[in-house]
Amino acid sequence: MATGVLRSFGAGASVARGALAWIRRDPKSAVLERTNFHGRTVTLAGGPALALGATAGAALGAPNARTAAAAVTAGLVSGAVGFYDDVVGNRPEQKAAKGFAGHLGALREGRVTSGLIKIAGVGAAGLVASSLIGGKKVDVLLGAGVIAGMANFVNLLDLRPGRAIKAGLVIGTPLGAAGVVGAGAALLPDDLGEEIMLGDAGANAMGALLGVALTARTGTAGRLVALAALAALTAASEKVSYTKVIQDTPWLRRLDELGRRPA
């Protein structure tokens, strides 16, 4: 068991670091540069690097072939549609649509936004992944909600350096998601140092894979509780700022700022 965990952790870490180096060497990687909230130039290369590393580690550490296939589906599809939104969503005509309501409004006007493609892609990946894990129809539907909901939740946290990865490590460790934890740990210093950012590609992939790990370890009751919690957290994000809550809570603020590059 310990050897398998270490192998999964190591695969996640090594693939993530290798993918990051490979992407950053590409002459076209300049299109991934963005300006963060401090006005510093960072690269979105961390997103696909984390998606590839976490998916490889999760698949290697899966208990069976169906769960491995679920991890590959959730991680790669969520990462791919997230990356598409990271790149295409930066265009002026795409930025106008904000939130789920904004994307639906654009659809009614005959425009398919990159954000809507991401939402549909993550939802479809969650449903397929949950089906691969198996169970009764209600369990599959609940699992799909957990996977998509976790992808969205981690993405909501990706507003400050290192925040989403730290959350992924806290959630992933008790779930035994060694591949996800390995990939996150390998990229955390670069994220905290404001050299990279996860974007939707990394945050969605990490969240979806955590959702797969949770779904694979729970039955109807566990998935129902998890989905209810995720729904409540998502609804709360529409009313309150997670960043403000963290700033106003001393122990959360200290954890959030731990290791971060000074402003």
Protein backbone atom coordinates (compact mmCIF):
# COMPACT_ATOMS: atom_id res chain seq x y z
CA MET A 1 0.00 0.00 0.00
CA ALA A 2 2.72 2.47 1.02
CA THR A 3 4.70 1.70 -2.14
CA GLY A 4 1.64 2.35 -4.29
CA VAL A 5 0.98 5.68 -2.58
CA LEU A 6 4.59 6.77 -3.05
CA ARG A 7 4.52 5.70 -6.70
CA SER A 8 1.33 7.66 -7.32
CA PHE A 9 2.69 10.73 -5.47
CA GLY A 10 5.99 10.55 -7.35
CA ALA A 11 4.32 10.16 -10.73
CA GLY A 12 2.07 13.15 -10.09
CA ALA A 13 5.01 15.29 -9.01
CA SER A 14 7.43 14.27 -11.76
CA VAL A 15 4.92 14.54 -14.60
CA ALA A 16 3.76 17.97 -13.35
CA ARG A 17 7.31 19.32 -13.15
CA GLY A 18 8.27 17.83 -16.50
CA ALA A 19 5.14 19.16 -18.21
CA LEU A 20 5.70 22.64 -16.77
CA ALA A 21 9.27 22.76 -18.06
CA TRP A 22 8.21 21.47 -21.48
CA ILE A 23 5.36 23.97 -21.85
CA ARG A 24 7.49 26.92 -20.75
CA ARG A 25 10.19 26.03 -23.31
CA ASP A 26 7.68 26.18 -26.16
CA PRO A 27 8.18 29.33 -28.28
CA LYS A 28 4.41 29.89 -28.30
CA SER A 29 4.11 29.84 -24.51
CA ALA A 30 4.11 33.65 -24.41
CA VAL A 31 0.38 33.58 -25.19
CA LEU A 32 -0.14 32.05 -21.74
CA GLU A 33 1.25 35.06 -19.90
CA ARG A 34 -1.18 36.99 -17.74
CA THR A 35 -0.99 39.81 -15.18
CA ASN A 36 -2.02 38.76 -11.68
CA PHE A 37 -3.63 40.83 -8.93
CA HIS A 38 -0.23 42.20 -7.86
CA GLY A 39 0.52 43.37 -11.40
CA ARG A 40 3.15 40.66 -11.87
CA THR A 41 3.49 38.63 -15.04
CA VAL A 42 2.72 34.95 -14.50
CA THR A 43 2.12 32.05 -16.85
CA LEU A 44 -0.92 29.81 -17.18
CA ALA A 45 1.44 26.92 -17.94
CA GLY A 46 0.88 25.71 -14.39
CA GLY A 47 -2.69 24.71 -15.28
CA PRO A 48 -2.05 22.07 -17.95
CA ALA A 49 1.05 20.93 -16.06
CA LEU A 50 -0.99 20.22 -12.94
CA ALA A 51 -3.78 18.60 -14.95
CA LEU A 52 -1.35 16.20 -16.64
CA GLY A 53 0.58 15.40 -13.48
CA ALA A 54 -2.43 14.94 -11.24
CA THR A 55 -4.21 12.79 -13.83
CA ALA A 56 -1.18 10.56 -14.38
CA GLY A 57 -0.66 10.11 -10.65
CA ALA A 58 -4.35 9.47 -9.98
CA ALA A 59 -4.60 6.88 -12.74
CA LEU A 60 -1.45 5.09 -11.54
CA GLY A 61 -2.72 4.99 -7.97
CA ALA A 62 -6.28 3.89 -8.81
CA PRO A 63 -7.46 0.62 -7.22
CA ASN A 64 -8.83 -0.76 -10.49
CA ALA A 65 -9.07 -0.08 -14.22
CA ARG A 66 -12.51 1.54 -14.09
CA THR A 67 -11.46 4.05 -11.45
CA ALA A 68 -8.29 4.76 -13.43
CA ALA A 69 -10.42 5.43 -16.52
CA ALA A 70 -12.66 7.70 -14.44
CA ALA A 71 -9.63 9.69 -13.28
CA VAL A 72 -8.28 10.04 -16.82
CA THR A 73 -11.69 11.17 -18.10
CA ALA A 74 -12.33 13.69 -15.34
CA GLY A 75 -8.79 15.06 -15.17
CA LEU A 76 -8.03 15.43 -18.85
CA VAL A 77 -11.45 16.62 -20.03
CA SER A 78 -11.86 19.12 -17.19
CA GLY A 79 -8.32 20.35 -17.75
CA ALA A 80 -8.81 20.63 -21.52
CA VAL A 81 -12.06 22.60 -21.43
CA GLY A 82 -10.64 24.74 -18.62
CA PHE A 83 -7.57 25.49 -20.73
CA TYR A 84 -9.80 26.38 -23.66
CA ASP A 85 -11.64 28.87 -21.45
CA ASP A 86 -8.34 30.25 -20.13
CA VAL A 87 -7.15 31.03 -23.65
CA VAL A 88 -10.35 31.87 -25.54
CA GLY A 89 -12.14 33.43 -22.58
CA ASN A 90 -9.50 36.16 -22.45
CA ARG A 91 -10.84 37.65 -25.68
CA PRO A 92 -12.88 40.86 -25.28
CA GLU A 93 -16.10 39.42 -26.71
CA GLN A 94 -15.91 36.53 -24.24
CA LYS A 95 -15.22 38.59 -21.11
CA ALA A 96 -18.66 40.19 -21.20
CA ALA A 97 -20.39 36.98 -20.07
CA LYS A 98 -19.95 36.49 -16.33
CA GLY A 99 -21.21 33.57 -14.29
CA PHE A 100 -23.63 30.84 -15.30
CA ALA A 101 -26.43 33.34 -15.90
CA GLY A 102 -24.19 35.38 -18.19
CA HIS A 103 -23.27 32.35 -20.27
CA LEU A 104 -26.92 31.34 -20.61
CA GLY A 105 -27.81 34.88 -21.61
CA ALA A 106 -25.17 34.79 -24.33
CA LEU A 107 -26.55 31.47 -25.54
CA ARG A 108 -30.02 32.97 -25.86
CA GLU A 109 -28.46 35.62 -28.07
CA GLY A 110 -26.96 32.91 -30.26
CA ARG A 111 -23.43 33.03 -28.84
CA VAL A 112 -21.71 29.97 -27.37
CA THR A 113 -19.15 31.21 -24.88
CA SER A 114 -15.97 29.42 -23.85
CA GLY A 115 -17.31 29.46 -20.29
CA LEU A 116 -20.42 27.55 -21.31
CA ILE A 117 -18.28 25.00 -23.15
CA LYS A 118 -16.24 24.58 -19.97
CA ILE A 119 -19.34 24.10 -17.82
CA ALA A 120 -20.80 21.53 -20.23
CA GLY A 121 -17.47 19.74 -20.59
CA VAL A 122 -16.85 19.45 -16.86
CA GLY A 123 -20.43 18.25 -16.31
CA ALA A 124 -20.18 15.62 -19.06
CA ALA A 125 -16.80 14.45 -17.78
CA GLY A 126 -18.24 14.12 -14.27
CA LEU A 127 -21.14 12.02 -15.52
CA VAL A 128 -18.91 9.68 -17.55
CA ALA A 129 -16.40 9.36 -14.71
CA SER A 130 -19.12 8.59 -12.17
CA SER A 131 -20.63 6.00 -14.54
CA LEU A 132 -17.24 4.32 -14.81
CA ILE A 133 -16.94 4.15 -11.02
CA GLY A 134 -20.35 2.47 -11.04
CA GLY A 135 -23.34 2.08 -8.75
CA LYS A 136 -27.07 2.64 -8.91
CA LYS A 137 -28.45 5.41 -11.10
CA VAL A 138 -28.92 7.72 -8.15
CA ASP A 139 -25.34 7.08 -7.05
CA VAL A 140 -24.03 7.85 -10.54
CA LEU A 141 -25.97 11.12 -10.65
CA LEU A 142 -24.80 12.11 -7.19
CA GLY A 143 -21.23 11.22 -8.07
CA ALA A 144 -21.41 13.31 -11.23
CA GLY A 145 -22.60 16.25 -9.14
CA VAL A 146 -19.77 15.76 -6.64
CA ILE A 147 -17.11 15.65 -9.37
CA ALA A 148 -18.42 18.72 -11.20
CA GLY A 149 -19.14 20.53 -7.94
CA MET A 150 -15.66 19.92 -6.58
CA ALA A 151 -14.14 21.15 -9.85
CA ASN A 152 -16.12 24.37 -9.53
CA PHE A 153 -15.32 24.78 -5.82
CA VAL A 154 -11.55 24.55 -6.29
CA ASN A 155 -11.82 26.95 -9.21
CA LEU A 156 -13.63 29.45 -6.95
CA LEU A 157 -10.64 29.39 -4.60
CA ASP A 158 -8.10 30.13 -7.31
CA LEU A 159 -7.98 33.88 -6.64
CA ARG A 160 -4.70 34.16 -4.75
CA PRO A 161 -1.29 32.46 -5.17
CA GLY A 162 -1.24 28.96 -3.71
CA ARG A 163 -4.78 29.05 -2.32
CA ALA A 164 -6.34 26.43 -4.61
CA ILE A 165 -3.39 24.06 -4.33
CA LYS A 166 -3.34 24.34 -0.53
CA ALA A 167 -7.04 23.49 -0.46
CA GLY A 168 -6.38 20.56 -2.78
CA LEU A 169 -3.68 19.23 -0.47
CA VAL A 170 -5.93 19.55 2.59
CA ILE A 171 -8.82 17.78 0.86
CA GLY A 172 -6.75 15.25 -1.07
CA THR A 173 -4.58 13.94 1.76
CA PRO A 174 -7.35 12.26 3.82
CA LEU A 175 -8.93 10.99 0.59
CA GLY A 176 -5.70 9.22 -0.31
CA ALA A 177 -5.47 11.14 -3.58
CA ALA A 178 -1.69 10.80 -3.65
CA GLY A 179 -1.30 11.62 -7.35
CA VAL A 180 -3.20 14.88 -7.00
CA VAL A 181 -1.31 15.77 -3.82
CA GLY A 182 2.03 15.00 -5.50
CA ALA A 183 1.30 17.20 -8.51
CA GLY A 184 0.04 20.02 -6.31
CA ALA A 185 3.02 19.84 -3.94
CA ALA A 186 5.44 19.92 -6.86
CA LEU A 187 3.94 23.12 -8.28
CA LEU A 188 3.07 24.89 -5.03
CA PRO A 189 6.40 26.77 -4.72
CA ASP A 190 6.02 28.22 -8.23
CA ASP A 191 2.42 29.19 -7.49
CA LEU A 192 3.32 30.84 -4.18
CA GLY A 193 6.24 32.59 -5.87
CA GLU A 194 3.86 34.07 -8.46
CA GLU A 195 5.66 32.47 -11.37
CA ILE A 196 2.67 30.41 -12.48
CA MET A 197 -1.07 30.37 -12.00
CA LEU A 198 -3.45 27.43 -12.29
CA GLY A 199 -6.27 29.08 -14.19
CA ASP A 200 -9.35 27.04 -14.98
CA ALA A 201 -7.26 24.23 -16.47
CA GLY A 202 -5.44 23.40 -13.26
CA ALA A 203 -8.16 24.25 -10.76
CA ASN A 204 -10.90 22.37 -12.61
CA ALA A 205 -8.72 19.31 -13.16
CA MET A 206 -7.56 19.20 -9.54
CA GLY A 207 -11.12 19.60 -8.26
CA ALA A 208 -12.55 17.00 -10.63
CA LEU A 209 -9.92 14.45 -9.59
CA LEU A 210 -10.60 15.12 -5.92
CA GLY A 211 -14.27 14.56 -6.75
CA VAL A 212 -13.41 11.22 -8.36
CA ALA A 213 -11.47 10.18 -5.25
CA LEU A 214 -14.37 11.16 -2.99
CA THR A 215 -16.96 9.46 -5.20
CA ALA A 216 -14.94 6.24 -5.36
CA ARG A 217 -14.80 6.09 -1.56
CA THR A 218 -18.42 6.88 -0.70
CA GLY A 219 -21.91 5.48 -1.19
CA THR A 220 -25.26 7.21 -1.52
CA ALA A 221 -25.20 8.95 1.86
CA GLY A 222 -21.61 10.18 1.56
CA ARG A 223 -22.14 11.54 -1.94
CA LEU A 224 -25.37 13.24 -0.89
CA VAL A 225 -23.70 14.98 2.04
CA ALA A 226 -20.74 16.03 -0.12
CA LEU A 227 -23.00 17.36 -2.87
CA ALA A 228 -25.11 19.31 -0.37
CA ALA A 229 -21.97 20.85 1.13
CA LEU A 230 -20.60 21.79 -2.28
CA ALA A 231 -23.93 23.29 -3.32
CA ALA A 232 -24.04 25.36 -0.13
CA LEU A 233 -20.48 26.59 -0.62
CA THR A 234 -21.19 27.51 -4.23
CA ALA A 235 -24.37 29.36 -3.28
CA ALA A 236 -22.52 31.19 -0.52
CA SER A 237 -19.89 32.37 -3.01
CA GLU A 238 -22.61 34.29 -4.82
CA LYS A 239 -23.35 36.30 -1.67
CA VAL A 240 -20.00 36.62 0.14
CA SER A 241 -16.38 36.88 -0.93
CA TYR A 242 -14.22 33.89 0.03
CA THR A 243 -11.24 36.24 0.06
CA LYS A 244 -12.94 38.56 2.56
CA VAL A 245 -13.91 35.65 4.80
CA ILE A 246 -10.31 34.41 4.76
CA GLN A 247 -8.92 37.87 5.48
CA ASP A 248 -11.33 38.33 8.39
CA THR A 249 -10.50 34.95 9.95
CA PRO A 250 -7.02 35.07 11.55
CA TRP A 251 -6.10 31.38 11.29
CA LEU A 252 -7.36 31.13 7.71
CA ARG A 253 -5.46 34.30 6.79
CA ARG A 254 -2.22 32.91 8.23
CA LEU A 255 -2.67 29.62 6.37
CA ASP A 256 -3.55 31.45 3.16
CA GLU A 257 -0.46 33.68 3.35
CA LEU A 258 1.94 30.91 4.43
CA GLY A 259 4.86 30.70 2.00
CA ARG A 260 3.52 33.40 -0.27
CA ARG A 261 5.80 35.95 -1.90
CA PRO A 262 5.56 39.37 -0.19
CA ALA A 263 3.43 41.92 -2.04
